Amino acid sequence: MRWFNALTFSSALLASSAAFACETCRPAVEAGIFNEHFWGRLAITLLPFGVVLCVVAPLHFLGREP
């Protein structure tokens, strides 16, 4: 049940729109988010998760006995 809740939450986040703004401001907001710097900023945002995963995964598997 816990896995289903996490999956539902993740799906809702992925399916939601990028930004909530009024009809007048929405094009400017989307243009500010999805510009030429988008992929670089996304990579910098996700980098700490990769670093933590690279540290935690070996520690998790080292604690197991064969």
C-alpha atoms as a PDB file:
ATOM      1  CA  MET A   1       0.000   0.000   0.000  1.00  0.00           C
ATOM      2  CA  ARG A   2       2.844   2.356   0.820  1.00  0.00           C
ATOM      3  CA  TRP A   3       4.427   1.717  -2.615  1.00  0.00           C
ATOM      4  CA  PHE A   4       1.098   2.488  -4.298  1.00  0.00           C
ATOM      5  CA  ASN A   5       0.847   5.830  -2.484  1.00  0.00           C
ATOM      6  CA  ALA A   6       4.367   6.806  -3.540  1.00  0.00           C
ATOM      7  CA  LEU A   7       3.639   5.763  -7.124  1.00  0.00           C
ATOM      8  CA  THR A   8       0.393   7.744  -7.172  1.00  0.00           C
ATOM      9  CA  PHE A   9       2.108  10.827  -5.773  1.00  0.00           C
ATOM     10  CA  SER A  10       4.942  10.583  -8.299  1.00  0.00           C
ATOM     11  CA  SER A  11       2.506  10.150 -11.163  1.00  0.00           C
ATOM     12  CA  ALA A  12       0.520  13.171 -10.049  1.00  0.00           C
ATOM     13  CA  LEU A  13       3.676  15.292  -9.954  1.00  0.00           C
ATOM     14  CA  LEU A  14       4.757  14.165 -13.404  1.00  0.00           C
ATOM     15  CA  ALA A  15       1.316  14.699 -14.905  1.00  0.00           C
ATOM     16  CA  SER A  16       0.809  18.170 -13.458  1.00  0.00           C
ATOM     17  CA  SER A  17       1.520  21.241 -15.523  1.00  0.00           C
ATOM     18  CA  ALA A  18       4.854  23.007 -15.296  1.00  0.00           C
ATOM     19  CA  ALA A  19       3.622  26.224 -13.756  1.00  0.00           C
ATOM     20  CA  PHE A  20       0.346  27.638 -12.568  1.00  0.00           C
ATOM     21  CA  ALA A  21      -0.178  31.147 -13.847  1.00  0.00           C
ATOM     22  CA  CYS A  22      -2.971  33.232 -15.282  1.00  0.00           C
ATOM     23  CA  GLU A  23      -3.614  33.090 -19.018  1.00  0.00           C
ATOM     24  CA  THR A  24      -1.816  36.398 -19.523  1.00  0.00           C
ATOM     25  CA  CYS A  25       1.342  35.502 -17.601  1.00  0.00           C
ATOM     26  CA  ARG A  26       1.545  31.800 -18.484  1.00  0.00           C
ATOM     27  CA  PRO A  27       3.557  32.177 -21.741  1.00  0.00           C
ATOM     28  CA  ALA A  28       6.132  34.374 -19.993  1.00  0.00           C
ATOM     29  CA  VAL A  29       6.425  31.955 -17.063  1.00  0.00           C
ATOM     30  CA  GLU A  30       6.871  28.936 -19.336  1.00  0.00           C
ATOM     31  CA  ALA A  31       9.398  30.814 -21.474  1.00  0.00           C
ATOM     32  CA  GLY A  32      11.364  31.645 -18.324  1.00  0.00           C
ATOM     33  CA  ILE A  33      11.402  28.014 -17.198  1.00  0.00           C
ATOM     34  CA  PHE A  34      11.934  26.216 -20.500  1.00  0.00           C
ATOM     35  CA  ASN A  35      14.718  28.324 -21.975  1.00  0.00           C
ATOM     36  CA  GLU A  36      18.173  27.285 -23.177  1.00  0.00           C
ATOM     37  CA  HIS A  37      19.417  26.823 -19.590  1.00  0.00           C
ATOM     38  CA  PHE A  38      16.710  24.304 -18.623  1.00  0.00           C
ATOM     39  CA  TRP A  39      18.703  21.056 -19.018  1.00  0.00           C
ATOM     40  CA  GLY A  40      21.758  22.419 -17.219  1.00  0.00           C
ATOM     41  CA  ARG A  41      19.696  23.649 -14.290  1.00  0.00           C
ATOM     42  CA  LEU A  42      17.782  20.375 -14.138  1.00  0.00           C
ATOM     43  CA  ALA A  43      21.056  18.432 -14.062  1.00  0.00           C
ATOM     44  CA  ILE A  44      22.430  20.618 -11.262  1.00  0.00           C
ATOM     45  CA  THR A  45      19.181  20.156  -9.324  1.00  0.00           C
ATOM     46  CA  LEU A  46      19.287  16.347  -9.655  1.00  0.00           C
ATOM     47  CA  LEU A  47      23.026  15.969  -9.016  1.00  0.00           C
ATOM     48  CA  PRO A  48      22.786  15.768  -5.187  1.00  0.00           C
ATOM     49  CA  PHE A  49      20.373  12.823  -5.471  1.00  0.00           C
ATOM     50  CA  GLY A  50      22.895  10.930  -7.598  1.00  0.00           C
ATOM     51  CA  VAL A  51      25.692  11.659  -5.156  1.00  0.00           C
ATOM     52  CA  VAL A  52      23.633  10.486  -2.194  1.00  0.00           C
ATOM     53  CA  LEU A  53      22.632   7.339  -4.104  1.00  0.00           C
ATOM     54  CA  CYS A  54      26.285   6.585  -4.911  1.00  0.00           C
ATOM     55  CA  VAL A  55      27.164   6.875  -1.216  1.00  0.00           C
ATOM     56  CA  VAL A  56      24.161   5.089   0.291  1.00  0.00           C
ATOM     57  CA  ALA A  57      23.900   2.131  -2.124  1.00  0.00           C
ATOM     58  CA  PRO A  58      27.368   0.697  -1.352  1.00  0.00           C
ATOM     59  CA  LEU A  59      26.804   1.198   2.377  1.00  0.00           C
ATOM     60  CA  HIS A  60      23.496  -0.636   2.125  1.00  0.00           C
ATOM     61  CA  PHE A  61      24.989  -3.605   0.283  1.00  0.00           C
ATOM     62  CA  LEU A  62      28.092  -3.773   2.509  1.00  0.00           C
ATOM     63  CA  GLY A  63      25.880  -4.381   5.530  1.00  0.00           C
ATOM     64  CA  ARG A  64      24.364  -7.564   4.067  1.00  0.00           C
ATOM     65  CA  GLU A  65      25.804 -10.969   4.673  1.00  0.00           C
ATOM     66  CA  PRO A  66      26.151 -13.358   1.705  1.00  0.00           C
END
